[in-house]
């Protein structure tokens, strides 16, 4: 029955998206917290969702 809980949660999140209370990224990224207490979503939003390129040697 875990699939049913997930289905209901996702339906609720999509309803919030439909009425523009949240952004799409906000639905899935706010649960990962960084060391300073900031979420991954907040950090990405600050950087306008730009990810740094890093050279691989």
C-alpha atoms as a PDB file:
ATOM      1  CA  UNK A   1       0.000   0.000   0.000  1.00  0.00           C
ATOM      2  CA  UNK A   2       3.028   2.320   0.022  1.00  0.00           C
ATOM      3  CA  UNK A   3       2.344   3.021  -3.656  1.00  0.00           C
ATOM      4  CA  UNK A   4      -1.065   4.432  -2.690  1.00  0.00           C
ATOM      5  CA  UNK A   5       0.445   6.842  -0.158  1.00  0.00           C
ATOM      6  CA  UNK A   6       2.958   8.002  -2.753  1.00  0.00           C
ATOM      7  CA  UNK A   7       0.196   8.407  -5.363  1.00  0.00           C
ATOM      8  CA  UNK A   8      -1.890  10.532  -2.985  1.00  0.00           C
ATOM      9  CA  UNK A   9       1.131  12.647  -1.974  1.00  0.00           C
ATOM     10  CA  UNK A  10       2.031  13.231  -5.609  1.00  0.00           C
ATOM     11  CA  UNK A  11      -1.557  14.187  -6.470  1.00  0.00           C
ATOM     12  CA  UNK A  12      -1.533  16.729  -3.632  1.00  0.00           C
ATOM     13  CA  UNK A  13       1.782  18.175  -4.828  1.00  0.00           C
ATOM     14  CA  UNK A  14       0.502  18.464  -8.397  1.00  0.00           C
ATOM     15  CA  UNK A  15      -2.596  20.277  -7.106  1.00  0.00           C
ATOM     16  CA  UNK A  16      -0.339  22.827  -5.397  1.00  0.00           C
ATOM     17  CA  UNK A  17       1.567  23.205  -8.660  1.00  0.00           C
ATOM     18  CA  UNK A  18      -1.679  23.724 -10.596  1.00  0.00           C
ATOM     19  CA  UNK A  19      -2.717  26.606  -8.349  1.00  0.00           C
ATOM     20  CA  UNK A  20       0.829  28.014  -8.519  1.00  0.00           C
ATOM     21  CA  UNK A  21       1.632  27.801  -4.808  1.00  0.00           C
ATOM     22  CA  UNK A  22       4.889  25.958  -5.534  1.00  0.00           C
ATOM     23  CA  UNK A  23       7.399  25.583  -8.341  1.00  0.00           C
ATOM     24  CA  UNK A  24       7.987  22.174  -9.912  1.00  0.00           C
ATOM     25  CA  UNK A  25      11.522  21.970  -8.511  1.00  0.00           C
ATOM     26  CA  UNK A  26      10.231  22.901  -5.081  1.00  0.00           C
ATOM     27  CA  UNK A  27       8.165  19.732  -4.933  1.00  0.00           C
ATOM     28  CA  UNK A  28      11.119  17.372  -5.099  1.00  0.00           C
ATOM     29  CA  UNK A  29      14.141  19.280  -3.777  1.00  0.00           C
ATOM     30  CA  UNK A  30      13.122  20.829  -0.440  1.00  0.00           C
ATOM     31  CA  UNK A  31      13.760  17.709   1.583  1.00  0.00           C
ATOM     32  CA  UNK A  32      17.548  17.654   1.207  1.00  0.00           C
ATOM     33  CA  UNK A  33      19.129  20.014   3.703  1.00  0.00           C
ATOM     34  CA  UNK A  34      22.691  21.317   3.394  1.00  0.00           C
ATOM     35  CA  UNK A  35      25.083  21.956   6.278  1.00  0.00           C
ATOM     36  CA  UNK A  36      23.942  25.565   6.846  1.00  0.00           C
ATOM     37  CA  UNK A  37      20.283  24.552   7.176  1.00  0.00           C
ATOM     38  CA  UNK A  38      19.526  25.702   3.633  1.00  0.00           C
ATOM     39  CA  UNK A  39      17.736  23.278   1.316  1.00  0.00           C
ATOM     40  CA  UNK A  40      19.036  22.194  -2.085  1.00  0.00           C
ATOM     41  CA  UNK A  41      16.126  24.053  -3.683  1.00  0.00           C
ATOM     42  CA  UNK A  42      16.978  27.297  -1.883  1.00  0.00           C
ATOM     43  CA  UNK A  43      20.640  27.047  -2.923  1.00  0.00           C
ATOM     44  CA  UNK A  44      19.765  26.338  -6.559  1.00  0.00           C
ATOM     45  CA  UNK A  45      17.195  29.141  -6.588  1.00  0.00           C
ATOM     46  CA  UNK A  46      19.854  31.595  -5.353  1.00  0.00           C
ATOM     47  CA  UNK A  47      22.057  30.606  -8.290  1.00  0.00           C
ATOM     48  CA  UNK A  48      19.117  30.719 -10.730  1.00  0.00           C
ATOM     49  CA  UNK A  49      19.482  26.955 -11.154  1.00  0.00           C
ATOM     50  CA  UNK A  50      22.946  27.350 -12.690  1.00  0.00           C
ATOM     51  CA  UNK A  51      25.191  24.389 -11.939  1.00  0.00           C
ATOM     52  CA  UNK A  52      28.920  25.058 -12.020  1.00  0.00           C
ATOM     53  CA  UNK A  53      31.004  23.264 -14.613  1.00  0.00           C
ATOM     54  CA  UNK A  54      33.992  21.513 -13.123  1.00  0.00           C
ATOM     55  CA  UNK A  55      36.839  20.132 -15.157  1.00  0.00           C
ATOM     56  CA  UNK A  56      37.609  16.480 -14.679  1.00  0.00           C
ATOM     57  CA  UNK A  57      41.333  15.672 -14.894  1.00  0.00           C
END
